[in-house]
């Protein structure tokens, strides 16, 4: 996988990896799928390069949110919406990259931490009173889903533990965590996440289960 990402994966002219092999598209999902893996493998500069490349295409400075899909062939967005789970992928992915960077890359770490703070702030502008978010964060006509709350809670718990952000953010994270806990059914499934396989309605998904576990692990680490 590492060899593929470093040497074979299709890229744009700036070296940012395309999310798919059948179209020259950059997806926000990639910010979690690629850069953390590269950073943990020791390819720190490439991880940072990918974070910045994805952000340069998909970040909306006015909303402080990430759009979902950019089509490089058409030079236009395939999906400009601020997908909740996509912004969760971004926040959590950048958190993992920043944590993996060595001390001598303090400047790059600080830049990515700033990116994390920005997307947390952008999402919090649209958090509902119950601690959940709409599937498209700024569109209250889209369905309410659970996973962005888990992803942001994971990021906030982790970032507070690392002393990257103020502990005041814990009030938001605890509210999100409580909202997610209320969605766990008797079998242990987190309900009403953006549901697989089509991600167009509330349901269940493997990433919804995974981020519940990541959120709880980060919360436990914060308390120890």
N, C-alpha and C. Protein backbone atom coordinates (compact mmCIF):
# COMPACT_ATOMS: atom_id res chain seq x y z
N UNK A 1 0.82 -1.20 0.00
CA UNK A 1 0.00 0.00 0.00
C UNK A 1 0.87 1.26 0.00
N UNK A 2 1.92 1.23 0.79
CA UNK A 2 2.81 2.40 0.85
C UNK A 2 3.47 2.64 -0.51
N UNK A 3 3.93 1.58 -1.13
CA UNK A 3 4.56 1.70 -2.45
C UNK A 3 3.57 2.27 -3.47
N UNK A 4 2.34 1.82 -3.38
CA UNK A 4 1.32 2.33 -4.29
C UNK A 4 1.11 3.83 -4.08
N UNK A 5 0.95 4.24 -2.84
CA UNK A 5 0.68 5.64 -2.55
C UNK A 5 1.85 6.54 -2.94
N UNK A 6 3.06 6.06 -2.73
CA UNK A 6 4.23 6.89 -2.99
C UNK A 6 4.63 6.91 -4.46
N UNK A 7 4.38 5.81 -5.18
CA UNK A 7 4.94 5.68 -6.52
C UNK A 7 3.92 5.51 -7.64
N UNK A 8 2.77 4.95 -7.35
CA UNK A 8 1.87 4.54 -8.44
C UNK A 8 0.53 5.26 -8.46
N UNK A 9 0.10 5.78 -7.33
CA UNK A 9 -1.24 6.38 -7.29
C UNK A 9 -1.31 7.59 -8.21
N UNK A 10 -2.41 7.75 -8.96
CA UNK A 10 -2.55 8.91 -9.85
C UNK A 10 -2.63 10.20 -9.05
N UNK A 11 -2.02 11.26 -9.61
CA UNK A 11 -1.93 12.54 -8.91
C UNK A 11 -2.23 13.69 -9.86
N UNK A 12 -2.50 14.85 -9.26
CA UNK A 12 -2.62 16.05 -10.08
C UNK A 12 -1.23 16.67 -10.30
N UNK A 13 -1.19 17.79 -10.97
CA UNK A 13 0.09 18.40 -11.33
C UNK A 13 0.88 18.87 -10.11
N UNK A 14 0.21 19.06 -8.98
CA UNK A 14 0.88 19.46 -7.74
C UNK A 14 1.29 18.27 -6.88
N UNK A 15 0.95 17.07 -7.32
CA UNK A 15 1.32 15.87 -6.58
C UNK A 15 0.30 15.38 -5.59
N UNK A 16 -0.91 15.96 -5.61
CA UNK A 16 -1.96 15.51 -4.71
C UNK A 16 -2.63 14.27 -5.28
N UNK A 17 -2.74 13.24 -4.48
CA UNK A 17 -3.25 11.94 -4.95
C UNK A 17 -4.75 12.00 -5.20
N UNK A 18 -5.17 11.43 -6.35
CA UNK A 18 -6.59 11.30 -6.64
C UNK A 18 -7.19 10.17 -5.79
N UNK A 19 -8.44 10.36 -5.42
CA UNK A 19 -9.10 9.37 -4.56
C UNK A 19 -9.48 8.12 -5.33
N UNK A 20 -9.75 8.27 -6.63
CA UNK A 20 -10.18 7.14 -7.45
C UNK A 20 -9.22 6.96 -8.62
N UNK A 21 -9.25 5.77 -9.20
CA UNK A 21 -8.40 5.51 -10.37
C UNK A 21 -9.15 5.69 -11.68
N UNK A 22 -10.48 5.83 -11.62
CA UNK A 22 -11.26 5.94 -12.85
C UNK A 22 -11.65 7.38 -13.18
N UNK A 23 -11.25 8.33 -12.33
CA UNK A 23 -11.55 9.74 -12.59
C UNK A 23 -10.55 10.59 -11.80
N UNK A 24 -10.12 11.72 -12.35
CA UNK A 24 -9.15 12.56 -11.66
C UNK A 24 -9.81 13.42 -10.59
N UNK A 25 -10.20 12.78 -9.49
CA UNK A 25 -10.98 13.47 -8.47
C UNK A 25 -10.26 13.46 -7.12
N UNK A 26 -10.37 14.58 -6.43
CA UNK A 26 -9.85 14.71 -5.07
C UNK A 26 -11.04 14.74 -4.12
N UNK A 27 -11.07 13.78 -3.21
CA UNK A 27 -12.16 13.66 -2.24
C UNK A 27 -11.63 14.01 -0.85
N UNK A 28 -12.47 14.60 -0.01
CA UNK A 28 -12.05 14.91 1.34
C UNK A 28 -11.80 13.64 2.15
N UNK A 29 -12.44 12.53 1.79
CA UNK A 29 -12.21 11.25 2.47
C UNK A 29 -10.72 10.91 2.52
N UNK A 30 -10.00 11.30 1.44
CA UNK A 30 -8.59 10.94 1.33
C UNK A 30 -7.74 11.53 2.44
N UNK A 31 -8.20 12.60 3.07
CA UNK A 31 -7.39 13.24 4.09
C UNK A 31 -7.20 12.32 5.29
N UNK A 32 -8.12 11.40 5.48
CA UNK A 32 -7.96 10.39 6.52
C UNK A 32 -7.31 9.12 5.98
N UNK A 33 -7.60 8.77 4.75
CA UNK A 33 -7.16 7.48 4.21
C UNK A 33 -5.66 7.44 3.90
N UNK A 34 -5.07 8.57 3.48
CA UNK A 34 -3.69 8.55 3.03
C UNK A 34 -2.67 9.17 3.95
N UNK A 35 -2.77 10.45 4.28
CA UNK A 35 -1.72 11.13 5.04
C UNK A 35 -1.38 10.51 6.39
N UNK A 36 -2.35 10.08 7.21
CA UNK A 36 -1.95 9.46 8.48
C UNK A 36 -1.10 8.21 8.27
N UNK A 37 -1.47 7.39 7.29
CA UNK A 37 -0.71 6.18 6.99
C UNK A 37 0.72 6.52 6.59
N UNK A 38 0.87 7.53 5.74
CA UNK A 38 2.20 7.95 5.32
C UNK A 38 3.02 8.46 6.50
N UNK A 39 2.38 9.23 7.37
CA UNK A 39 3.09 9.79 8.52
C UNK A 39 3.54 8.69 9.47
N UNK A 40 2.67 7.73 9.75
CA UNK A 40 3.05 6.64 10.64
C UNK A 40 4.14 5.76 10.04
N UNK A 41 4.21 5.73 8.71
CA UNK A 41 5.25 4.97 8.03
C UNK A 41 6.57 5.74 7.95
N UNK A 42 6.57 7.00 8.40
CA UNK A 42 7.79 7.78 8.43
C UNK A 42 7.97 8.74 7.26
N UNK A 43 7.00 8.81 6.38
CA UNK A 43 7.08 9.72 5.23
C UNK A 43 6.34 11.02 5.60
N UNK A 44 6.98 11.74 6.50
CA UNK A 44 6.33 12.90 7.11
C UNK A 44 6.08 14.02 6.12
N UNK A 45 7.07 14.34 5.31
CA UNK A 45 6.92 15.45 4.36
C UNK A 45 5.83 15.15 3.34
N UNK A 46 5.76 13.90 2.89
CA UNK A 46 4.73 13.53 1.93
C UNK A 46 3.34 13.61 2.57
N UNK A 47 3.25 13.22 3.83
CA UNK A 47 1.97 13.32 4.54
C UNK A 47 1.50 14.76 4.62
N UNK A 48 2.41 15.66 4.98
CA UNK A 48 2.08 17.08 5.07
C UNK A 48 1.71 17.63 3.69
N UNK A 49 2.45 17.21 2.68
CA UNK A 49 2.16 17.65 1.31
C UNK A 49 0.76 17.26 0.89
N UNK A 50 0.34 16.05 1.23
CA UNK A 50 -1.00 15.60 0.86
C UNK A 50 -2.08 16.37 1.62
N UNK A 51 -1.85 16.62 2.91
CA UNK A 51 -2.81 17.41 3.68
C UNK A 51 -2.99 18.78 3.03
N UNK A 52 -1.90 19.43 2.72
CA UNK A 52 -1.98 20.77 2.15
C UNK A 52 -2.56 20.77 0.74
N UNK A 53 -2.24 19.73 -0.03
CA UNK A 53 -2.78 19.64 -1.38
C UNK A 53 -4.28 19.45 -1.39
N UNK A 54 -4.78 18.56 -0.53
CA UNK A 54 -6.22 18.34 -0.44
C UNK A 54 -6.92 19.59 0.07
N UNK A 55 -6.33 20.20 1.09
CA UNK A 55 -6.94 21.39 1.66
C UNK A 55 -6.99 22.54 0.64
N UNK A 56 -5.96 22.68 -0.16
CA UNK A 56 -5.91 23.79 -1.11
C UNK A 56 -7.04 23.72 -2.14
N UNK A 57 -7.55 22.52 -2.39
CA UNK A 57 -8.61 22.32 -3.37
C UNK A 57 -10.01 22.37 -2.74
N UNK A 58 -10.15 21.82 -1.54
CA UNK A 58 -11.48 21.58 -0.98
C UNK A 58 -11.88 22.51 0.15
N UNK A 59 -10.95 23.26 0.71
CA UNK A 59 -11.26 24.11 1.86
C UNK A 59 -12.00 25.37 1.43
N UNK A 60 -13.08 25.68 2.16
CA UNK A 60 -13.83 26.91 1.93
C UNK A 60 -13.56 27.85 3.10
N UNK A 61 -12.82 28.91 2.86
CA UNK A 61 -12.39 29.78 3.93
C UNK A 61 -13.55 30.55 4.56
N UNK A 62 -14.56 30.87 3.77
CA UNK A 62 -15.70 31.61 4.31
C UNK A 62 -16.49 30.77 5.32
N UNK A 63 -16.80 29.54 4.95
CA UNK A 63 -17.57 28.67 5.83
C UNK A 63 -16.69 27.94 6.85
N UNK A 64 -15.39 27.90 6.60
CA UNK A 64 -14.45 27.11 7.40
C UNK A 64 -14.89 25.64 7.44
N UNK A 65 -15.18 25.13 6.25
CA UNK A 65 -15.59 23.75 6.07
C UNK A 65 -14.99 23.23 4.76
N UNK A 66 -14.92 21.92 4.65
CA UNK A 66 -14.42 21.28 3.44
C UNK A 66 -15.57 20.83 2.55
N UNK A 67 -15.45 21.13 1.25
CA UNK A 67 -16.34 20.52 0.26
C UNK A 67 -15.95 19.06 0.07
N UNK A 68 -16.80 18.31 -0.63
CA UNK A 68 -16.58 16.87 -0.71
C UNK A 68 -15.67 16.44 -1.88
N UNK A 69 -16.01 16.80 -3.12
CA UNK A 69 -15.29 16.23 -4.27
C UNK A 69 -14.98 17.32 -5.29
N UNK A 70 -13.70 17.39 -5.68
CA UNK A 70 -13.26 18.25 -6.78
C UNK A 70 -12.88 17.38 -7.97
N UNK A 71 -13.37 17.73 -9.16
CA UNK A 71 -13.03 17.00 -10.39
C UNK A 71 -11.98 17.79 -11.14
N UNK A 72 -10.77 17.25 -11.19
CA UNK A 72 -9.66 17.95 -11.82
C UNK A 72 -9.82 18.01 -13.34
N UNK A 73 -10.45 16.98 -13.91
CA UNK A 73 -10.65 16.97 -15.36
C UNK A 73 -11.58 18.07 -15.81
N UNK A 74 -12.65 18.28 -15.05
CA UNK A 74 -13.63 19.32 -15.38
C UNK A 74 -13.29 20.66 -14.77
N UNK A 75 -12.29 20.67 -13.88
CA UNK A 75 -11.92 21.90 -13.16
C UNK A 75 -13.14 22.52 -12.49
N UNK A 76 -13.87 21.65 -11.80
CA UNK A 76 -15.06 22.10 -11.10
C UNK A 76 -15.40 21.08 -10.02
N UNK A 77 -16.23 21.48 -9.07
CA UNK A 77 -16.65 20.55 -8.04
C UNK A 77 -17.65 19.54 -8.59
N UNK A 78 -17.40 18.28 -8.29
CA UNK A 78 -18.44 17.27 -8.53
C UNK A 78 -19.46 17.33 -7.41
N UNK A 79 -19.00 17.61 -6.21
CA UNK A 79 -19.90 17.78 -5.07
C UNK A 79 -19.30 18.85 -4.16
N UNK A 80 -19.88 20.04 -4.21
CA UNK A 80 -19.37 21.16 -3.42
C UNK A 80 -19.92 21.17 -2.01
N UNK A 81 -20.88 20.30 -1.71
CA UNK A 81 -21.52 20.30 -0.40
C UNK A 81 -20.52 20.06 0.72
N UNK A 82 -20.84 20.63 1.87
CA UNK A 82 -20.01 20.45 3.07
C UNK A 82 -20.52 19.23 3.82
N UNK A 83 -20.16 18.06 3.30
CA UNK A 83 -20.62 16.79 3.87
C UNK A 83 -20.07 16.64 5.29
N UNK A 84 -20.95 16.30 6.22
CA UNK A 84 -20.54 16.20 7.61
C UNK A 84 -19.44 15.19 7.84
N UNK A 85 -19.66 13.96 7.39
CA UNK A 85 -18.66 12.91 7.62
C UNK A 85 -17.35 13.25 6.92
N UNK A 86 -17.42 13.94 5.76
CA UNK A 86 -16.20 14.37 5.10
C UNK A 86 -15.39 15.32 5.97
N UNK A 87 -16.07 16.25 6.63
CA UNK A 87 -15.36 17.15 7.53
C UNK A 87 -14.85 16.41 8.75
N UNK A 88 -15.55 15.36 9.15
CA UNK A 88 -15.04 14.50 10.22
C UNK A 88 -13.79 13.75 9.80
N UNK A 89 -13.79 13.21 8.56
CA UNK A 89 -12.58 12.57 8.03
C UNK A 89 -11.41 13.55 8.09
N UNK A 90 -11.65 14.78 7.69
CA UNK A 90 -10.58 15.78 7.66
C UNK A 90 -10.04 16.07 9.05
N UNK A 91 -10.93 16.35 9.99
CA UNK A 91 -10.51 16.69 11.35
C UNK A 91 -9.72 15.55 11.98
N UNK A 92 -10.27 14.34 11.89
CA UNK A 92 -9.60 13.19 12.51
C UNK A 92 -8.30 12.84 11.80
N UNK A 93 -8.29 12.93 10.47
CA UNK A 93 -7.07 12.62 9.73
C UNK A 93 -5.95 13.58 10.05
N UNK A 94 -6.26 14.88 10.11
CA UNK A 94 -5.22 15.86 10.43
C UNK A 94 -4.73 15.69 11.86
N UNK A 95 -5.63 15.30 12.75
CA UNK A 95 -5.24 15.02 14.13
C UNK A 95 -4.20 13.91 14.19
N UNK A 96 -4.41 12.86 13.43
CA UNK A 96 -3.48 11.73 13.43
C UNK A 96 -2.14 12.11 12.79
N UNK A 97 -2.18 12.92 11.75
CA UNK A 97 -0.93 13.37 11.13
C UNK A 97 -0.13 14.23 12.10
N UNK A 98 -0.79 15.21 12.71
CA UNK A 98 -0.09 16.11 13.64
C UNK A 98 0.54 15.34 14.79
N UNK A 99 -0.16 14.33 15.27
CA UNK A 99 0.36 13.54 16.39
C UNK A 99 1.57 12.71 15.97
N UNK A 100 1.63 12.33 14.71
CA UNK A 100 2.72 11.47 14.24
C UNK A 100 3.98 12.24 13.86
N UNK A 101 3.86 13.54 13.60
CA UNK A 101 5.02 14.29 13.13
C UNK A 101 6.08 14.40 14.22
N UNK A 102 7.36 14.29 13.85
CA UNK A 102 8.45 14.38 14.85
C UNK A 102 8.64 15.81 15.35
N UNK A 103 9.33 15.94 16.47
CA UNK A 103 9.51 17.24 17.11
C UNK A 103 10.20 18.25 16.21
N UNK A 104 11.10 17.78 15.35
CA UNK A 104 11.82 18.72 14.49
C UNK A 104 10.93 19.34 13.41
N UNK A 105 9.73 18.81 13.24
CA UNK A 105 8.78 19.39 12.28
C UNK A 105 7.73 20.22 13.02
N UNK A 106 8.16 20.99 14.00
CA UNK A 106 7.24 21.75 14.84
C UNK A 106 6.44 22.76 14.02
N UNK A 107 7.06 23.38 13.01
CA UNK A 107 6.33 24.35 12.20
C UNK A 107 5.18 23.68 11.46
N UNK A 108 5.47 22.56 10.80
CA UNK A 108 4.43 21.85 10.06
C UNK A 108 3.33 21.36 11.01
N UNK A 109 3.73 20.90 12.19
CA UNK A 109 2.75 20.45 13.18
C UNK A 109 1.83 21.60 13.59
N UNK A 110 2.41 22.77 13.83
CA UNK A 110 1.60 23.92 14.24
C UNK A 110 0.64 24.36 13.14
N UNK A 111 1.09 24.29 11.90
CA UNK A 111 0.22 24.64 10.78
C UNK A 111 -0.99 23.71 10.73
N UNK A 112 -0.74 22.41 10.86
CA UNK A 112 -1.84 21.44 10.79
C UNK A 112 -2.76 21.59 12.00
N UNK A 113 -2.20 21.89 13.16
CA UNK A 113 -3.04 22.12 14.34
C UNK A 113 -3.96 23.31 14.10
N UNK A 114 -3.45 24.35 13.45
CA UNK A 114 -4.31 25.48 13.09
C UNK A 114 -5.44 25.04 12.17
N UNK A 115 -5.11 24.16 11.21
CA UNK A 115 -6.15 23.64 10.32
C UNK A 115 -7.22 22.89 11.12
N UNK A 116 -6.79 22.11 12.11
CA UNK A 116 -7.73 21.34 12.94
C UNK A 116 -8.65 22.29 13.69
N UNK A 117 -8.07 23.30 14.30
CA UNK A 117 -8.89 24.28 15.04
C UNK A 117 -9.93 24.92 14.13
N UNK A 118 -9.52 25.25 12.91
CA UNK A 118 -10.43 25.92 11.99
C UNK A 118 -11.62 25.05 11.63
N UNK A 119 -11.38 23.78 11.32
CA UNK A 119 -12.50 22.94 10.91
C UNK A 119 -13.39 22.61 12.11
N UNK A 120 -12.82 22.48 13.30
CA UNK A 120 -13.66 22.31 14.49
C UNK A 120 -14.57 23.51 14.66
N UNK A 121 -14.00 24.71 14.57
CA UNK A 121 -14.81 25.93 14.70
C UNK A 121 -15.90 25.99 13.63
N UNK A 122 -15.52 25.64 12.39
CA UNK A 122 -16.48 25.68 11.30
C UNK A 122 -17.66 24.75 11.55
N UNK A 123 -17.37 23.55 12.01
CA UNK A 123 -18.45 22.59 12.29
C UNK A 123 -19.30 23.04 13.47
N UNK A 124 -18.66 23.54 14.52
CA UNK A 124 -19.41 23.92 15.71
C UNK A 124 -20.42 25.03 15.43
N UNK A 125 -20.17 25.81 14.40
CA UNK A 125 -21.15 26.85 14.02
C UNK A 125 -22.50 26.25 13.66
N UNK A 126 -22.50 24.95 13.32
CA UNK A 126 -23.73 24.32 12.84
C UNK A 126 -24.18 23.15 13.72
N UNK A 127 -23.57 22.99 14.90
CA UNK A 127 -23.99 21.91 15.78
C UNK A 127 -25.41 22.18 16.29
N UNK A 128 -26.24 21.16 16.25
CA UNK A 128 -27.60 21.27 16.74
C UNK A 128 -27.62 21.27 18.28
N UNK A 129 -28.75 21.63 18.83
CA UNK A 129 -28.89 21.63 20.27
C UNK A 129 -28.73 20.27 20.91
N UNK A 130 -29.00 19.21 20.14
CA UNK A 130 -28.87 17.85 20.68
C UNK A 130 -27.48 17.27 20.53
N UNK A 131 -26.52 18.06 20.00
CA UNK A 131 -25.15 17.57 19.85
C UNK A 131 -24.89 16.84 18.55
N UNK A 132 -25.87 16.79 17.66
CA UNK A 132 -25.72 16.15 16.36
C UNK A 132 -25.63 17.20 15.25
N UNK A 133 -25.41 16.73 14.02
CA UNK A 133 -25.27 17.61 12.86
C UNK A 133 -26.13 17.08 11.71
N UNK A 134 -26.45 17.98 10.79
CA UNK A 134 -27.08 17.54 9.56
C UNK A 134 -26.04 16.92 8.64
N UNK A 135 -26.52 16.04 7.76
CA UNK A 135 -25.61 15.33 6.85
C UNK A 135 -24.78 16.29 6.01
N UNK A 136 -25.40 17.31 5.45
CA UNK A 136 -24.69 18.45 4.88
C UNK A 136 -24.73 19.51 5.97
N UNK A 137 -23.56 19.85 6.48
CA UNK A 137 -23.47 20.55 7.76
C UNK A 137 -24.30 21.83 7.80
N UNK A 138 -24.28 22.59 6.71
CA UNK A 138 -24.96 23.88 6.71
C UNK A 138 -26.34 23.83 6.07
N UNK A 139 -26.89 22.64 5.87
CA UNK A 139 -28.19 22.50 5.20
C UNK A 139 -29.15 21.75 6.13
N UNK A 140 -30.01 22.48 6.78
CA UNK A 140 -30.94 21.87 7.74
C UNK A 140 -32.03 21.04 7.08
N UNK A 141 -32.08 21.05 5.74
CA UNK A 141 -33.05 20.21 5.03
C UNK A 141 -32.53 18.79 4.84
N UNK A 142 -31.25 18.55 5.11
CA UNK A 142 -30.70 17.20 5.00
C UNK A 142 -30.88 16.47 6.33
N UNK A 143 -30.81 15.14 6.27
CA UNK A 143 -31.10 14.35 7.46
C UNK A 143 -30.05 14.56 8.56
N UNK A 144 -30.47 14.29 9.78
CA UNK A 144 -29.58 14.38 10.94
C UNK A 144 -28.83 13.06 11.07
N UNK A 145 -27.52 13.14 11.28
CA UNK A 145 -26.73 11.91 11.38
C UNK A 145 -25.79 11.96 12.59
N UNK A 146 -25.23 10.81 12.93
CA UNK A 146 -24.50 10.64 14.19
C UNK A 146 -22.99 10.69 14.06
N UNK A 147 -22.44 10.31 12.90
CA UNK A 147 -21.01 10.04 12.88
C UNK A 147 -20.13 11.27 12.97
N UNK A 148 -20.54 12.41 12.41
CA UNK A 148 -19.70 13.59 12.55
C UNK A 148 -19.49 13.92 14.02
N UNK A 149 -20.51 13.75 14.83
CA UNK A 149 -20.36 14.03 16.26
C UNK A 149 -19.30 13.13 16.88
N UNK A 150 -19.29 11.86 16.49
CA UNK A 150 -18.28 10.94 17.01
C UNK A 150 -16.88 11.34 16.54
N UNK A 151 -16.77 11.71 15.28
CA UNK A 151 -15.48 12.06 14.69
C UNK A 151 -14.92 13.33 15.32
N UNK A 152 -15.79 14.32 15.52
CA UNK A 152 -15.33 15.56 16.15
C UNK A 152 -15.03 15.36 17.62
N UNK A 153 -15.82 14.55 18.31
CA UNK A 153 -15.54 14.28 19.72
C UNK A 153 -14.17 13.59 19.85
N UNK A 154 -13.91 12.61 18.99
CA UNK A 154 -12.59 11.96 18.97
C UNK A 154 -11.48 13.00 18.79
N UNK A 155 -11.67 13.90 17.83
CA UNK A 155 -10.66 14.91 17.53
C UNK A 155 -10.46 15.86 18.70
N UNK A 156 -11.55 16.32 19.29
CA UNK A 156 -11.44 17.26 20.41
C UNK A 156 -10.82 16.59 21.62
N UNK A 157 -11.26 15.39 21.98
CA UNK A 157 -10.65 14.69 23.11
C UNK A 157 -9.14 14.53 22.89
N UNK A 158 -8.76 14.15 21.68
CA UNK A 158 -7.35 13.94 21.36
C UNK A 158 -6.57 15.25 21.40
N UNK A 159 -7.16 16.31 20.82
CA UNK A 159 -6.46 17.59 20.74
C UNK A 159 -6.32 18.25 22.10
N UNK A 160 -7.32 18.11 22.96
CA UNK A 160 -7.21 18.65 24.32
C UNK A 160 -6.13 17.90 25.09
N UNK A 161 -6.10 16.59 24.94
CA UNK A 161 -5.07 15.79 25.62
C UNK A 161 -3.66 16.20 25.18
N UNK A 162 -3.52 16.56 23.90
CA UNK A 162 -2.22 16.99 23.38
C UNK A 162 -1.94 18.47 23.68
N UNK A 163 -2.94 19.13 24.31
CA UNK A 163 -2.82 20.57 24.64
C UNK A 163 -2.74 21.45 23.38
N UNK A 164 -3.40 21.03 22.32
CA UNK A 164 -3.46 21.81 21.09
C UNK A 164 -4.59 22.81 21.12
N UNK A 165 -5.67 22.50 21.83
CA UNK A 165 -6.82 23.39 21.91
C UNK A 165 -7.24 23.52 23.36
N UNK A 166 -8.01 24.55 23.64
CA UNK A 166 -8.44 24.85 25.00
C UNK A 166 -9.41 23.79 25.52
N UNK A 167 -9.35 23.53 26.80
CA UNK A 167 -10.22 22.52 27.40
C UNK A 167 -11.70 22.93 27.37
N UNK A 168 -11.98 24.20 27.06
CA UNK A 168 -13.38 24.64 26.94
C UNK A 168 -14.12 23.87 25.85
N UNK A 169 -13.37 23.35 24.87
CA UNK A 169 -14.00 22.57 23.79
C UNK A 169 -14.59 21.26 24.30
N UNK A 170 -14.18 20.84 25.49
CA UNK A 170 -14.68 19.57 26.01
C UNK A 170 -16.18 19.60 26.25
N UNK A 171 -16.74 20.76 26.54
CA UNK A 171 -18.19 20.83 26.72
C UNK A 171 -18.91 20.40 25.45
N UNK A 172 -18.40 20.86 24.30
CA UNK A 172 -19.00 20.46 23.02
C UNK A 172 -18.81 18.97 22.78
N UNK A 173 -17.58 18.50 23.03
CA UNK A 173 -17.27 17.08 22.76
C UNK A 173 -18.11 16.16 23.64
N UNK A 174 -18.30 16.52 24.88
CA UNK A 174 -19.11 15.67 25.77
C UNK A 174 -20.57 15.64 25.30
N UNK A 175 -21.05 16.77 24.82
CA UNK A 175 -22.42 16.80 24.29
C UNK A 175 -22.55 15.90 23.08
N UNK A 176 -21.57 15.94 22.19
CA UNK A 176 -21.57 15.06 21.02
C UNK A 176 -21.49 13.60 21.44
N UNK A 177 -20.61 13.31 22.40
CA UNK A 177 -20.46 11.93 22.87
C UNK A 177 -21.77 11.42 23.46
N UNK A 178 -22.42 12.22 24.27
CA UNK A 178 -23.70 11.80 24.86
C UNK A 178 -24.74 11.55 23.79
N UNK A 179 -24.74 12.38 22.74
CA UNK A 179 -25.68 12.18 21.64
C UNK A 179 -25.41 10.86 20.93
N UNK A 180 -24.13 10.53 20.75
CA UNK A 180 -23.76 9.27 20.10
C UNK A 180 -24.11 8.08 20.99
N UNK A 181 -23.84 8.19 22.28
CA UNK A 181 -24.17 7.10 23.20
C UNK A 181 -25.67 6.78 23.16
N UNK A 182 -26.48 7.81 23.01
CA UNK A 182 -27.93 7.61 22.97
C UNK A 182 -28.38 6.90 21.70
N UNK A 183 -27.50 6.82 20.70
CA UNK A 183 -27.82 6.18 19.43
C UNK A 183 -27.39 4.71 19.36
N UNK A 184 -26.78 4.20 20.42
CA UNK A 184 -26.32 2.80 20.41
C UNK A 184 -27.49 1.90 20.80
N UNK A 185 -27.79 0.93 19.94
CA UNK A 185 -28.94 0.06 20.23
C UNK A 185 -28.53 -1.11 21.11
N UNK A 186 -29.47 -1.99 21.38
CA UNK A 186 -29.24 -3.11 22.30
C UNK A 186 -28.19 -4.10 21.79
N UNK A 187 -27.90 -4.08 20.50
CA UNK A 187 -26.91 -4.98 19.92
C UNK A 187 -25.53 -4.33 19.78
N UNK A 188 -25.42 -3.06 20.17
CA UNK A 188 -24.14 -2.37 20.08
C UNK A 188 -23.93 -1.63 18.78
N UNK A 189 -24.97 -1.54 17.95
CA UNK A 189 -24.84 -0.80 16.69
C UNK A 189 -25.16 0.68 16.91
N UNK A 190 -24.31 1.54 16.35
CA UNK A 190 -24.58 2.97 16.38
C UNK A 190 -25.56 3.29 15.25
N UNK A 191 -26.71 3.77 15.61
CA UNK A 191 -27.76 4.02 14.63
C UNK A 191 -27.69 5.46 14.09
N UNK A 192 -28.24 5.62 12.91
CA UNK A 192 -28.43 6.94 12.28
C UNK A 192 -27.13 7.64 11.92
N UNK A 193 -26.06 6.86 11.69
CA UNK A 193 -24.90 7.45 11.03
C UNK A 193 -25.24 7.56 9.54
N UNK A 194 -24.43 8.27 8.79
CA UNK A 194 -24.60 8.31 7.34
C UNK A 194 -24.39 6.88 6.83
N UNK A 195 -25.45 6.26 6.33
CA UNK A 195 -25.48 4.81 6.23
C UNK A 195 -24.90 4.22 4.95
N UNK A 196 -24.17 3.13 5.12
CA UNK A 196 -23.67 2.33 4.01
C UNK A 196 -24.85 1.58 3.38
N UNK A 197 -24.76 1.23 2.07
CA UNK A 197 -23.61 1.44 1.19
C UNK A 197 -23.70 2.72 0.35
N UNK A 198 -24.81 3.43 0.40
CA UNK A 198 -25.00 4.57 -0.52
C UNK A 198 -24.78 5.93 0.15
N UNK A 199 -24.75 5.96 1.47
CA UNK A 199 -24.45 7.18 2.22
C UNK A 199 -25.39 8.34 1.85
N UNK A 200 -26.65 7.99 1.66
CA UNK A 200 -27.65 9.00 1.31
C UNK A 200 -28.84 9.00 2.27
N UNK A 201 -28.68 8.28 3.39
CA UNK A 201 -29.76 8.19 4.38
C UNK A 201 -29.16 7.75 5.71
N UNK A 202 -29.84 8.04 6.81
CA UNK A 202 -29.34 7.55 8.10
C UNK A 202 -29.45 6.03 8.17
N UNK A 203 -28.46 5.41 8.79
CA UNK A 203 -28.46 3.96 8.90
C UNK A 203 -27.29 3.49 9.74
N UNK A 204 -26.62 2.42 9.26
CA UNK A 204 -25.44 1.89 9.95
C UNK A 204 -24.29 1.84 8.96
N UNK A 205 -23.05 1.87 9.47
CA UNK A 205 -21.87 1.81 8.62
C UNK A 205 -20.68 1.40 9.48
N UNK A 206 -19.72 0.74 8.84
CA UNK A 206 -18.54 0.30 9.59
C UNK A 206 -17.80 1.48 10.20
N UNK A 207 -17.71 2.60 9.46
CA UNK A 207 -17.01 3.75 10.03
C UNK A 207 -17.77 4.35 11.21
N UNK A 208 -19.08 4.17 11.21
CA UNK A 208 -19.86 4.60 12.37
C UNK A 208 -19.53 3.80 13.60
N UNK A 209 -19.31 2.49 13.43
CA UNK A 209 -18.88 1.65 14.54
C UNK A 209 -17.45 1.99 14.96
N UNK A 210 -16.58 2.15 13.96
CA UNK A 210 -15.16 2.40 14.25
C UNK A 210 -14.96 3.70 15.02
N UNK A 211 -15.67 4.75 14.62
CA UNK A 211 -15.46 6.02 15.29
C UNK A 211 -16.10 6.09 16.66
N UNK A 212 -17.08 5.25 16.92
CA UNK A 212 -17.55 5.15 18.30
C UNK A 212 -16.41 4.63 19.17
N UNK A 213 -15.73 3.58 18.70
CA UNK A 213 -14.62 3.01 19.47
C UNK A 213 -13.46 4.00 19.61
N UNK A 214 -13.14 4.71 18.52
CA UNK A 214 -12.07 5.71 18.58
C UNK A 214 -12.44 6.84 19.55
N UNK A 215 -13.68 7.28 19.51
CA UNK A 215 -14.14 8.32 20.42
C UNK A 215 -14.01 7.88 21.87
N UNK A 216 -14.45 6.67 22.16
CA UNK A 216 -14.39 6.18 23.53
C UNK A 216 -12.95 5.97 23.99
N UNK A 217 -12.09 5.50 23.10
CA UNK A 217 -10.68 5.33 23.44
C UNK A 217 -10.03 6.68 23.75
N UNK A 218 -10.32 7.69 22.90
CA UNK A 218 -9.76 9.02 23.13
C UNK A 218 -10.27 9.61 24.43
N UNK A 219 -11.54 9.36 24.75
CA UNK A 219 -12.11 9.87 26.00
C UNK A 219 -11.44 9.21 27.20
N UNK A 220 -11.23 7.90 27.12
CA UNK A 220 -10.57 7.18 28.22
C UNK A 220 -9.13 7.69 28.42
N UNK A 221 -8.43 7.93 27.32
CA UNK A 221 -7.06 8.43 27.42
C UNK A 221 -7.01 9.83 28.02
N UNK A 222 -8.00 10.63 27.71
CA UNK A 222 -8.07 11.98 28.25
C UNK A 222 -8.22 11.94 29.78
N UNK A 223 -8.93 10.94 30.28
CA UNK A 223 -9.21 10.84 31.71
C UNK A 223 -8.06 10.23 32.50
N UNK A 224 -7.12 9.59 31.81
CA UNK A 224 -6.02 8.91 32.51
C UNK A 224 -4.76 9.77 32.56
